[in-house]
C-alpha atoms as a PDB file:
ATOM      1  CA  MET A   1      -9.954  -1.254   0.451  1.00  0.00           C
ATOM      2  CA  LYS A   2      -8.740  -3.734   3.970  1.00  0.00           C
ATOM      3  CA  PHE A   3      -5.931  -6.087   3.192  1.00  0.00           C
ATOM      4  CA  GLU A   4      -5.608  -8.612   5.622  1.00  0.00           C
ATOM      5  CA  GLY A   5      -4.428 -11.896   5.800  1.00  0.00           C
ATOM      6  CA  THR A   6      -1.887 -14.054   3.812  1.00  0.00           C
ATOM      7  CA  TYR A   7      -1.317 -12.865   0.061  1.00  0.00           C
ATOM      8  CA  VAL A   8       1.383 -14.783  -1.558  1.00  0.00           C
ATOM      9  CA  ALA A   9       3.413 -13.593  -4.017  1.00  0.00           C
ATOM     10  CA  MET A  10       3.571 -15.921  -6.602  1.00  0.00           C
ATOM     11  CA  VAL A  11       6.709 -17.353  -8.849  1.00  0.00           C
ATOM     12  CA  THR A  12       6.376 -17.386 -12.854  1.00  0.00           C
ATOM     13  CA  PRO A  13       6.710 -20.625 -13.564  1.00  0.00           C
ATOM     14  CA  PHE A  14       8.122 -21.277 -17.091  1.00  0.00           C
ATOM     15  CA  THR A  15       8.692 -23.894 -19.241  1.00  0.00           C
ATOM     16  CA  GLN A  16      11.945 -25.456 -20.725  1.00  0.00           C
ATOM     17  CA  ASP A  17      12.228 -22.962 -22.982  1.00  0.00           C
ATOM     18  CA  LYS A  18      11.487 -20.144 -20.748  1.00  0.00           C
ATOM     19  CA  GLU A  19       7.941 -19.329 -21.928  1.00  0.00           C
ATOM     20  CA  ILE A  20       5.308 -18.835 -19.571  1.00  0.00           C
ATOM     21  CA  ASP A  21       4.078 -22.141 -17.968  1.00  0.00           C
ATOM     22  CA  GLU A  22      -0.072 -21.294 -18.506  1.00  0.00           C
ATOM     23  CA  GLU A  23      -1.195 -24.464 -16.925  1.00  0.00           C
ATOM     24  CA  GLY A  24       1.906 -24.311 -14.160  1.00  0.00           C
ATOM     25  CA  PHE A  25       0.442 -21.055 -13.049  1.00  0.00           C
ATOM     26  CA  ARG A  26      -2.636 -22.207 -13.331  1.00  0.00           C
ATOM     27  CA  SER A  27      -2.320 -25.248 -10.904  1.00  0.00           C
ATOM     28  CA  ASN A  28      -0.306 -23.271  -8.660  1.00  0.00           C
ATOM     29  CA  ILE A  29      -3.195 -20.902  -8.605  1.00  0.00           C
ATOM     30  CA  ASN A  30      -5.343 -23.497  -7.230  1.00  0.00           C
ATOM     31  CA  TYR A  31      -2.861 -25.217  -4.505  1.00  0.00           C
ATOM     32  CA  LEU A  32      -2.704 -21.951  -3.270  1.00  0.00           C
ATOM     33  CA  ILE A  33      -5.892 -21.230  -3.070  1.00  0.00           C
ATOM     34  CA  ASP A  34      -6.985 -24.579  -1.505  1.00  0.00           C
ATOM     35  CA  LYS A  35      -4.090 -23.670   1.312  1.00  0.00           C
ATOM     36  CA  GLY A  36      -6.590 -20.336   2.678  1.00  0.00           C
ATOM     37  CA  VAL A  37      -4.914 -17.744   1.304  1.00  0.00           C
ATOM     38  CA  SER A  38      -6.595 -13.982   1.325  1.00  0.00           C
ATOM     39  CA  GLY A  39      -4.807 -13.147  -2.223  1.00  0.00           C
ATOM     40  CA  LEU A  40      -2.474 -14.055  -4.793  1.00  0.00           C
ATOM     41  CA  VAL A  41       0.098 -11.443  -6.083  1.00  0.00           C
ATOM     42  CA  GLY A  42       1.069 -12.257  -9.767  1.00  0.00           C
ATOM     43  CA  ALA A  43       3.831 -10.095 -12.304  1.00  0.00           C
ATOM     44  CA  GLY A  44       5.500  -9.393  -9.407  1.00  0.00           C
ATOM     45  CA  THR A  45       9.047  -9.288  -8.118  1.00  0.00           C
ATOM     46  CA  THR A  46       9.112 -12.849  -7.001  1.00  0.00           C
ATOM     47  CA  GLY A  47       7.130 -13.435 -10.216  1.00  0.00           C
ATOM     48  CA  GLU A  48      10.172 -11.818 -12.217  1.00  0.00           C
ATOM     49  CA  SER A  49       8.983  -8.829 -13.309  1.00  0.00           C
ATOM     50  CA  ALA A  50      12.460  -7.268 -13.799  1.00  0.00           C
ATOM     51  CA  THR A  51      12.739  -9.713 -16.875  1.00  0.00           C
ATOM     52  CA  ILE A  52       9.397 -10.155 -18.654  1.00  0.00           C
ATOM     53  CA  SER A  53       8.271  -8.453 -21.049  1.00  0.00           C
ATOM     54  CA  HIS A  54       4.806  -6.264 -20.786  1.00  0.00           C
ATOM     55  CA  GLU A  55       3.041  -8.528 -23.104  1.00  0.00           C
ATOM     56  CA  GLU A  56       4.093 -11.279 -20.352  1.00  0.00           C
ATOM     57  CA  HIS A  57       3.072  -9.080 -17.922  1.00  0.00           C
ATOM     58  CA  GLN A  58      -0.563  -8.470 -18.995  1.00  0.00           C
ATOM     59  CA  ARG A  59      -1.078 -12.351 -19.480  1.00  0.00           C
ATOM     60  CA  ILE A  60      -0.062 -13.051 -16.031  1.00  0.00           C
ATOM     61  CA  ILE A  61      -2.638 -10.598 -14.774  1.00  0.00           C
ATOM     62  CA  ASP A  62      -5.281 -12.182 -17.419  1.00  0.00           C
ATOM     63  CA  ILE A  63      -4.667 -15.241 -16.187  1.00  0.00           C
ATOM     64  CA  LEU A  64      -4.487 -14.672 -12.544  1.00  0.00           C
ATOM     65  CA  VAL A  65      -8.014 -12.982 -12.928  1.00  0.00           C
ATOM     66  CA  ASP A  66      -9.827 -15.533 -15.073  1.00  0.00           C
ATOM     67  CA  GLU A  67      -8.020 -18.422 -12.603  1.00  0.00           C
ATOM     68  CA  VAL A  68      -9.025 -17.219  -9.542  1.00  0.00           C
ATOM     69  CA  ASP A  69     -12.756 -16.508 -10.610  1.00  0.00           C
ATOM     70  CA  GLY A  70     -13.327 -13.947  -7.266  1.00  0.00           C
ATOM     71  CA  ARG A  71     -12.502 -16.796  -4.944  1.00  0.00           C
ATOM     72  CA  VAL A  72      -9.693 -14.532  -3.765  1.00  0.00           C
ATOM     73  CA  GLU A  73      -8.462 -11.339  -3.881  1.00  0.00           C
ATOM     74  CA  THR A  74      -6.293 -10.339  -6.885  1.00  0.00           C
ATOM     75  CA  VAL A  75      -3.292  -8.308  -7.199  1.00  0.00           C
ATOM     76  CA  ALA A  76      -1.396  -7.179  -9.887  1.00  0.00           C
ATOM     77  CA  GLY A  77       2.054  -6.061  -9.776  1.00  0.00           C
ATOM     78  CA  THR A  78       2.254  -3.128 -11.938  1.00  0.00           C
ATOM     79  CA  GLY A  79       5.194  -1.045 -10.657  1.00  0.00           C
ATOM     80  CA  SER A  80       7.957   0.571 -12.444  1.00  0.00           C
ATOM     81  CA  ASN A  81      10.837   3.353 -12.168  1.00  0.00           C
ATOM     82  CA  ALA A  82       9.038   5.412 -14.252  1.00  0.00           C
ATOM     83  CA  THR A  83       5.624   6.669 -13.403  1.00  0.00           C
ATOM     84  CA  SER A  84       4.024   6.444 -17.383  1.00  0.00           C
ATOM     85  CA  GLU A  85       5.096   3.015 -17.700  1.00  0.00           C
ATOM     86  CA  ALA A  86       3.217   1.677 -14.009  1.00  0.00           C
ATOM     87  CA  LEU A  87       0.378   4.025 -15.274  1.00  0.00           C
ATOM     88  CA  SER A  88       0.202   2.034 -18.210  1.00  0.00           C
ATOM     89  CA  LEU A  89       0.689  -1.553 -16.104  1.00  0.00           C
ATOM     90  CA  THR A  90      -2.208  -0.057 -13.740  1.00  0.00           C
ATOM     91  CA  LYS A  91      -4.600   0.768 -16.312  1.00  0.00           C
ATOM     92  CA  TYR A  92      -4.164  -2.694 -17.788  1.00  0.00           C
ATOM     93  CA  ALA A  93      -4.855  -4.427 -14.322  1.00  0.00           C
ATOM     94  CA  TYR A  94      -7.575  -2.682 -13.506  1.00  0.00           C
ATOM     95  CA  ASP A  95      -9.371  -3.132 -17.274  1.00  0.00           C
ATOM     96  CA  ALA A  96      -8.212  -6.775 -16.310  1.00  0.00           C
ATOM     97  CA  GLY A  97     -10.332  -6.826 -13.793  1.00  0.00           C
ATOM     98  CA  ALA A  98      -7.489  -7.241 -10.561  1.00  0.00           C
ATOM     99  CA  ASP A  99      -8.696  -6.301  -7.103  1.00  0.00           C
ATOM    100  CA  SER A 100      -5.634  -4.169  -6.588  1.00  0.00           C
ATOM    101  CA  ALA A 101      -1.920  -3.545  -7.572  1.00  0.00           C
ATOM    102  CA  LEU A 102       1.258  -3.722  -6.110  1.00  0.00           C
ATOM    103  CA  LEU A 103       3.796  -0.632  -6.574  1.00  0.00           C
ATOM    104  CA  ILE A 104       7.025  -0.941  -5.914  1.00  0.00           C
ATOM    105  CA  THR A 105       8.955   2.472  -5.145  1.00  0.00           C
ATOM    106  CA  PRO A 106      10.801   2.897  -8.194  1.00  0.00           C
ATOM    107  CA  TYR A 107      13.756   1.928  -8.504  1.00  0.00           C
ATOM    108  CA  TYR A 108      18.051   3.585  -9.598  1.00  0.00           C
ATOM    109  CA  ASN A 109      16.695   6.667  -9.993  1.00  0.00           C
ATOM    110  CA  LYS A 110      15.634   7.298  -6.306  1.00  0.00           C
ATOM    111  CA  PRO A 111      13.140  10.180  -6.275  1.00  0.00           C
ATOM    112  CA  GLN A 112      12.826  12.664  -3.756  1.00  0.00           C
ATOM    113  CA  PRO A 113      10.181  12.149  -0.982  1.00  0.00           C
ATOM    114  CA  GLN A 114       7.944  14.498  -2.974  1.00  0.00           C
ATOM    115  CA  GLY A 115       8.524  12.695  -6.018  1.00  0.00           C
ATOM    116  CA  LEU A 116       7.542   9.312  -4.464  1.00  0.00           C
ATOM    117  CA  ILE A 117       3.868  11.263  -3.287  1.00  0.00           C
ATOM    118  CA  GLU A 118       3.426  12.254  -6.431  1.00  0.00           C
ATOM    119  CA  HIS A 119       3.655   9.288  -8.462  1.00  0.00           C
ATOM    120  CA  TYR A 120       1.896   7.357  -6.574  1.00  0.00           C
ATOM    121  CA  GLY A 121      -1.153   9.977  -6.287  1.00  0.00           C
ATOM    122  CA  SER A 122      -0.847  10.503  -9.833  1.00  0.00           C
ATOM    123  CA  ILE A 123      -1.657   6.658 -10.783  1.00  0.00           C
ATOM    124  CA  ALA A 124      -4.307   6.788  -7.720  1.00  0.00           C
ATOM    125  CA  GLU A 125      -5.938   9.752  -9.674  1.00  0.00           C
ATOM    126  CA  ALA A 126      -6.195   7.957 -12.939  1.00  0.00           C
ATOM    127  CA  VAL A 127      -6.848   4.394 -11.951  1.00  0.00           C
ATOM    128  CA  ASP A 128     -10.288   3.611  -9.510  1.00  0.00           C
ATOM    129  CA  ILE A 129      -8.180   0.555  -8.550  1.00  0.00           C
ATOM    130  CA  PRO A 130      -6.985   0.234  -4.606  1.00  0.00           C
ATOM    131  CA  LEU A 131      -2.674   0.419  -4.582  1.00  0.00           C
ATOM    132  CA  ILE A 132      -0.548  -0.905  -2.217  1.00  0.00           C
ATOM    133  CA  ALA A 133       3.260   1.007  -2.166  1.00  0.00           C
ATOM    134  CA  TYR A 134       5.828  -1.525  -1.769  1.00  0.00           C
ATOM    135  CA  ASN A 135       9.018  -0.166   0.022  1.00  0.00           C
ATOM    136  CA  VAL A 136      11.508  -2.764  -0.265  1.00  0.00           C
ATOM    137  CA  PRO A 137      15.296  -0.611   0.114  1.00  0.00           C
ATOM    138  CA  SER A 138      17.428  -3.923  -0.799  1.00  0.00           C
ATOM    139  CA  ARG A 139      16.152  -4.157  -3.649  1.00  0.00           C
ATOM    140  CA  THR A 140      15.493  -0.588  -5.208  1.00  0.00           C
ATOM    141  CA  GLY A 141      17.857   1.817  -3.054  1.00  0.00           C
ATOM    142  CA  ILE A 142      15.182   3.905  -1.594  1.00  0.00           C
ATOM    143  CA  ASN A 143      14.016   3.773   1.914  1.00  0.00           C
ATOM    144  CA  MET A 144      10.401   5.865   2.231  1.00  0.00           C
ATOM    145  CA  ASP A 145      10.708   7.349   5.436  1.00  0.00           C
ATOM    146  CA  VAL A 146       7.511   6.965   7.795  1.00  0.00           C
ATOM    147  CA  GLU A 147       6.345  10.597   7.063  1.00  0.00           C
ATOM    148  CA  THR A 148       5.989  10.129   3.510  1.00  0.00           C
ATOM    149  CA  ILE A 149       4.187   6.912   3.726  1.00  0.00           C
ATOM    150  CA  VAL A 150       1.434   8.868   5.860  1.00  0.00           C
ATOM    151  CA  GLU A 151       1.581  11.082   3.390  1.00  0.00           C
ATOM    152  CA  LEU A 152       0.713   8.462   1.212  1.00  0.00           C
ATOM    153  CA  ALA A 153      -2.035   7.203   3.459  1.00  0.00           C
ATOM    154  CA  LYS A 154      -3.564  10.448   2.948  1.00  0.00           C
ATOM    155  CA  ILE A 155      -3.946   9.785  -1.022  1.00  0.00           C
ATOM    156  CA  ASP A 156      -7.471   8.559  -1.859  1.00  0.00           C
ATOM    157  CA  GLY A 157      -6.631   5.155  -3.274  1.00  0.00           C
ATOM    158  CA  VAL A 158      -3.032   4.169  -1.868  1.00  0.00           C
ATOM    159  CA  ASP A 159      -4.755   2.021   0.690  1.00  0.00           C
ATOM    160  CA  ALA A 160      -1.695   0.091   2.185  1.00  0.00           C
ATOM    161  CA  VAL A 161       2.299   0.038   2.297  1.00  0.00           C
ATOM    162  CA  LYS A 162       4.108  -3.160   1.501  1.00  0.00           C
ATOM    163  CA  GLU A 163       6.966  -2.940   4.266  1.00  0.00           C
ATOM    164  CA  ALA A 164      10.103  -4.603   3.586  1.00  0.00           C
ATOM    165  CA  SER A 165      12.877  -2.729   5.301  1.00  0.00           C
ATOM    166  CA  GLY A 166      13.425  -4.971   8.066  1.00  0.00           C
ATOM    167  CA  SER A 167      12.712  -2.751  10.966  1.00  0.00           C
ATOM    168  CA  VAL A 168      10.149  -3.529  13.402  1.00  0.00           C
ATOM    169  CA  ASP A 169      10.460   0.247  15.109  1.00  0.00           C
ATOM    170  CA  LYS A 170       9.701   1.527  11.708  1.00  0.00           C
ATOM    171  CA  VAL A 171       6.649  -0.377  11.865  1.00  0.00           C
ATOM    172  CA  SER A 172       5.954   0.953  15.239  1.00  0.00           C
ATOM    173  CA  ASP A 173       6.662   4.140  14.027  1.00  0.00           C
ATOM    174  CA  ILE A 174       4.289   4.254  11.057  1.00  0.00           C
ATOM    175  CA  TYR A 175       1.416   2.495  12.976  1.00  0.00           C
ATOM    176  CA  ARG A 176       1.744   5.405  15.425  1.00  0.00           C
ATOM    177  CA  ALA A 177       1.949   8.251  13.295  1.00  0.00           C
ATOM    178  CA  LEU A 178      -1.082   6.695  11.298  1.00  0.00           C
ATOM    179  CA  THR A 179      -3.328   6.535  14.888  1.00  0.00           C
ATOM    180  CA  HIS A 180      -1.792  10.613  15.371  1.00  0.00           C
ATOM    181  CA  GLU A 181      -3.705  11.103  11.843  1.00  0.00           C
ATOM    182  CA  GLY A 182      -6.780   9.129  12.386  1.00  0.00           C
ATOM    183  CA  LEU A 183      -5.903   6.905   9.221  1.00  0.00           C
ATOM    184  CA  GLU A 184      -5.136   3.225  11.158  1.00  0.00           C
ATOM    185  CA  ASP A 185      -8.349   1.986   9.843  1.00  0.00           C
ATOM    186  CA  ASP A 186      -8.345   3.424   6.103  1.00  0.00           C
ATOM    187  CA  PHE A 187      -4.179   2.117   5.649  1.00  0.00           C
ATOM    188  CA  ASN A 188      -2.899  -1.351   5.992  1.00  0.00           C
ATOM    189  CA  ILE A 189       0.435  -2.088   6.828  1.00  0.00           C
ATOM    190  CA  LEU A 190       1.652  -5.759   5.420  1.00  0.00           C
ATOM    191  CA  SER A 191       4.799  -7.491   6.400  1.00  0.00           C
ATOM    192  CA  GLY A 192       7.229  -8.080   3.194  1.00  0.00           C
ATOM    193  CA  GLU A 193       9.639  -9.701   5.656  1.00  0.00           C
ATOM    194  CA  ASP A 194       8.298 -13.289   6.147  1.00  0.00           C
ATOM    195  CA  SER A 195      10.319 -13.759   9.057  1.00  0.00           C
ATOM    196  CA  LEU A 196       9.122 -10.510  10.795  1.00  0.00           C
ATOM    197  CA  THR A 197       5.655 -11.007  10.229  1.00  0.00           C
ATOM    198  CA  LEU A 198       4.659 -12.256  13.470  1.00  0.00           C
ATOM    199  CA  PRO A 199       6.372  -8.850  15.520  1.00  0.00           C
ATOM    200  CA  LEU A 200       5.421  -6.877  12.505  1.00  0.00           C
ATOM    201  CA  MET A 201       1.672  -7.724  13.392  1.00  0.00           C
ATOM    202  CA  ALA A 202       2.241  -7.404  16.912  1.00  0.00           C
ATOM    203  CA  VAL A 203       2.571  -3.754  16.320  1.00  0.00           C
ATOM    204  CA  GLY A 204       0.109  -2.917  14.131  1.00  0.00           C
ATOM    205  CA  ALA A 205       0.309  -4.928  10.255  1.00  0.00           C
ATOM    206  CA  THR A 206      -2.535  -6.900   9.490  1.00  0.00           C
ATOM    207  CA  GLY A 207      -0.920  -9.315   7.214  1.00  0.00           C
ATOM    208  CA  VAL A 208       1.665 -10.558   4.810  1.00  0.00           C
ATOM    209  CA  ILE A 209       2.782 -10.257   1.306  1.00  0.00           C
ATOM    210  CA  SER A 210       4.879 -13.160   1.763  1.00  0.00           C
ATOM    211  CA  ALA A 211       7.731 -15.492  -1.311  1.00  0.00           C
ATOM    212  CA  SER A 212       7.408 -18.575   1.454  1.00  0.00           C
ATOM    213  CA  ALA A 213       3.875 -18.700   1.773  1.00  0.00           C
ATOM    214  CA  ASN A 214       4.702 -20.212  -2.318  1.00  0.00           C
ATOM    215  CA  ILE A 215       6.651 -23.477  -0.020  1.00  0.00           C
ATOM    216  CA  ASP A 216       4.522 -23.487   3.066  1.00  0.00           C
ATOM    217  CA  ALA A 217       1.572 -21.346   2.901  1.00  0.00           C
ATOM    218  CA  ARG A 218      -0.638 -24.008   5.274  1.00  0.00           C
ATOM    219  CA  ARG A 219       1.427 -22.498   8.131  1.00  0.00           C
ATOM    220  CA  MET A 220       1.565 -18.873   7.531  1.00  0.00           C
ATOM    221  CA  VAL A 221      -1.765 -19.089   7.092  1.00  0.00           C
ATOM    222  CA  LEU A 222      -2.199 -19.890  10.194  1.00  0.00           C
ATOM    223  CA  MET A 223      -0.024 -17.941  12.022  1.00  0.00           C
ATOM    224  CA  VAL A 224      -1.231 -14.973  10.343  1.00  0.00           C
ATOM    225  CA  ASP A 225      -5.097 -16.029  11.206  1.00  0.00           C
ATOM    226  CA  SER A 226      -3.826 -17.373  14.862  1.00  0.00           C
ATOM    227  CA  ILE A 227      -2.098 -13.658  14.963  1.00  0.00           C
ATOM    228  CA  LEU A 228      -5.917 -11.456  13.715  1.00  0.00           C
ATOM    229  CA  ASN A 229      -7.545 -14.124  16.407  1.00  0.00           C
ATOM    230  CA  ASP A 230      -5.290 -12.754  19.326  1.00  0.00           C
ATOM    231  CA  ASP A 231      -3.636 -16.172  20.127  1.00  0.00           C
ATOM    232  CA  TYR A 232      -0.244 -15.495  19.808  1.00  0.00           C
ATOM    233  CA  THR A 233       0.890 -18.501  21.884  1.00  0.00           C
ATOM    234  CA  ARG A 234      -0.871 -20.938  18.543  1.00  0.00           C
ATOM    235  CA  ALA A 235       1.408 -18.043  16.463  1.00  0.00           C
ATOM    236  CA  MET A 236       5.040 -18.233  17.955  1.00  0.00           C
ATOM    237  CA  GLU A 237       4.727 -22.250  17.906  1.00  0.00           C
ATOM    238  CA  LEU A 238       3.792 -21.659  14.045  1.00  0.00           C
ATOM    239  CA  HIS A 239       6.681 -18.664  13.610  1.00  0.00           C
ATOM    240  CA  TYR A 240       9.565 -21.003  14.859  1.00  0.00           C
ATOM    241  CA  GLU A 241       8.262 -23.923  13.350  1.00  0.00           C
ATOM    242  CA  MET A 242       8.622 -22.031  10.078  1.00  0.00           C
ATOM    243  CA  LEU A 243      11.671 -19.631  10.698  1.00  0.00           C
ATOM    244  CA  GLU A 244      14.546 -21.683   9.265  1.00  0.00           C
ATOM    245  CA  LEU A 245      13.082 -23.060   5.815  1.00  0.00           C
ATOM    246  CA  ILE A 246      12.193 -19.000   5.790  1.00  0.00           C
ATOM    247  CA  ARG A 247      15.858 -17.949   6.605  1.00  0.00           C
ATOM    248  CA  VAL A 248      17.279 -21.310   3.938  1.00  0.00           C
ATOM    249  CA  LEU A 249      14.296 -19.582   1.281  1.00  0.00           C
ATOM    250  CA  PHE A 250      16.535 -16.130   0.840  1.00  0.00           C
ATOM    251  CA  VAL A 251      20.117 -17.849   1.521  1.00  0.00           C
ATOM    252  CA  GLU A 252      20.175 -16.465  -2.137  1.00  0.00           C
ATOM    253  CA  SER A 253      18.569 -13.963  -4.029  1.00  0.00           C
ATOM    254  CA  ASN A 254      14.320 -14.367  -4.404  1.00  0.00           C
ATOM    255  CA  PRO A 255      13.319 -16.468  -6.454  1.00  0.00           C
ATOM    256  CA  VAL A 256      16.268 -18.611  -6.801  1.00  0.00           C
ATOM    257  CA  PRO A 257      15.556 -20.536  -3.524  1.00  0.00           C
ATOM    258  CA  VAL A 258      11.726 -20.420  -3.731  1.00  0.00           C
ATOM    259  CA  LYS A 259      11.811 -21.740  -7.575  1.00  0.00           C
ATOM    260  CA  THR A 260      14.181 -24.551  -6.203  1.00  0.00           C
ATOM    261  CA  ALA A 261      12.244 -25.541  -3.628  1.00  0.00           C
ATOM    262  CA  MET A 262       8.807 -25.942  -5.267  1.00  0.00           C
ATOM    263  CA  ARG A 263      11.027 -27.608  -8.048  1.00  0.00           C
ATOM    264  CA  ILE A 264      11.980 -30.743  -4.969  1.00  0.00           C
ATOM    265  CA  MET A 265       8.302 -30.365  -4.077  1.00  0.00           C
ATOM    266  CA  GLY A 266       7.330 -31.382  -7.321  1.00  0.00           C
ATOM    267  CA  LEU A 267       5.422 -27.740  -8.042  1.00  0.00           C
ATOM    268  CA  PRO A 268       5.232 -26.299 -11.689  1.00  0.00           C
ATOM    269  CA  SER A 269       8.466 -23.474 -11.135  1.00  0.00           C
ATOM    270  CA  GLY A 270      10.730 -24.145 -14.342  1.00  0.00           C
ATOM    271  CA  PRO A 271      14.139 -22.649 -14.648  1.00  0.00           C
ATOM    272  CA  LEU A 272      14.875 -18.751 -13.912  1.00  0.00           C
ATOM    273  CA  ARG A 273      15.778 -16.445 -16.617  1.00  0.00           C
ATOM    274  CA  GLN A 274      18.820 -14.389 -16.424  1.00  0.00           C
ATOM    275  CA  PRO A 275      20.488 -12.747 -15.089  1.00  0.00           C
ATOM    276  CA  LEU A 276      19.725 -14.918 -11.857  1.00  0.00           C
ATOM    277  CA  ALA A 277      21.500 -18.477 -12.212  1.00  0.00           C
ATOM    278  CA  GLU A 278      20.655 -22.008 -11.033  1.00  0.00           C
ATOM    279  CA  MET A 279      21.101 -22.127  -6.627  1.00  0.00           C
ATOM    280  CA  GLN A 280      24.752 -23.583  -5.631  1.00  0.00           C
ATOM    281  CA  PRO A 281      24.568 -26.920  -4.952  1.00  0.00           C
ATOM    282  CA  GLU A 282      25.723 -26.166  -1.047  1.00  0.00           C
ATOM    283  CA  ASN A 283      22.272 -24.483  -0.711  1.00  0.00           C
ATOM    284  CA  VAL A 284      20.379 -26.992  -2.379  1.00  0.00           C
ATOM    285  CA  GLU A 285      21.885 -29.453   0.389  1.00  0.00           C
ATOM    286  CA  LEU A 286      20.659 -26.867   2.683  1.00  0.00           C
ATOM    287  CA  LEU A 287      16.768 -26.554   1.579  1.00  0.00           C
ATOM    288  CA  LYS A 288      16.619 -30.121   1.199  1.00  0.00           C
ATOM    289  CA  LYS A 289      17.129 -30.558   4.848  1.00  0.00           C
ATOM    290  CA  ALA A 290      14.827 -27.310   5.635  1.00  0.00           C
ATOM    291  CA  LEU A 291      12.279 -28.757   3.228  1.00  0.00           C
ATOM    292  CA  LYS A 292      12.450 -32.580   4.864  1.00  0.00           C
ATOM    293  CA  ASP A 293      12.587 -30.989   8.316  1.00  0.00           C
ATOM    294  CA  SER A 294       9.301 -29.430   7.794  1.00  0.00           C
ATOM    295  CA  GLU A 295       7.917 -32.538   6.304  1.00  0.00           C
ATOM    296  CA  LEU A 296       7.067 -30.845   2.865  1.00  0.00           C
ATOM    297  CA  ILE A 297       8.901 -33.629   1.029  1.00  0.00           C
END
């Protein structure tokens, strides 16, 4: 499967009693589709996957697939630090009709490179759904090396990596290695660092899975599309228009600032689940200023 364009790592809106706000989630789906996104990710880390139950996880996937109804691509977050659990969630996503699944590298247990290859390989073998591996060492304590990612690219069914190690050099090395193996057309690199999307796409990435696009999908879509159309002058303008807001959106743990910004903008978001806490007042003021400067409020 070709992964290209702007995918939004959606928040999970909650009601005041911290249940899934289904109406709000459906509203956000339509809001983002209207902004021109390529795909939507439900029940990922931005969606507070670490604090939702299995039943809630499945419900989020069901709502996503139902409300999107084929208008854009649907990506189900199905990762876990237990292969059996990730496999179960991925099977559910396939049965629910999701277009693909996003699987974070197993966290805490820090598997060896061979363990990672076997983890993704066993899921790809068992479920006929395109998989996106998600490398985010700041969250998991493990950083997949270039050689491991290239081995994953050789597995039938592992079609992309969301790369959030923060290194442009690494993405350059991944793309060069994929090209050496003749895999660059069959395996996509997606930016997992919103502020690095422009440089990562300049060296081979084909799009982004973005948390900040919950807030400013229009500009992110325009920037990514400009890059895909080789209009780097316009892309650079949009990059700098978004840069300060993106930085403020990650001044505290994601998705705390994103959900706070959505609340300020009047979009469904609701409270955070513990152990996440509300944003510090001084950072809320920074966020309000960035939203005003971006003409989003």
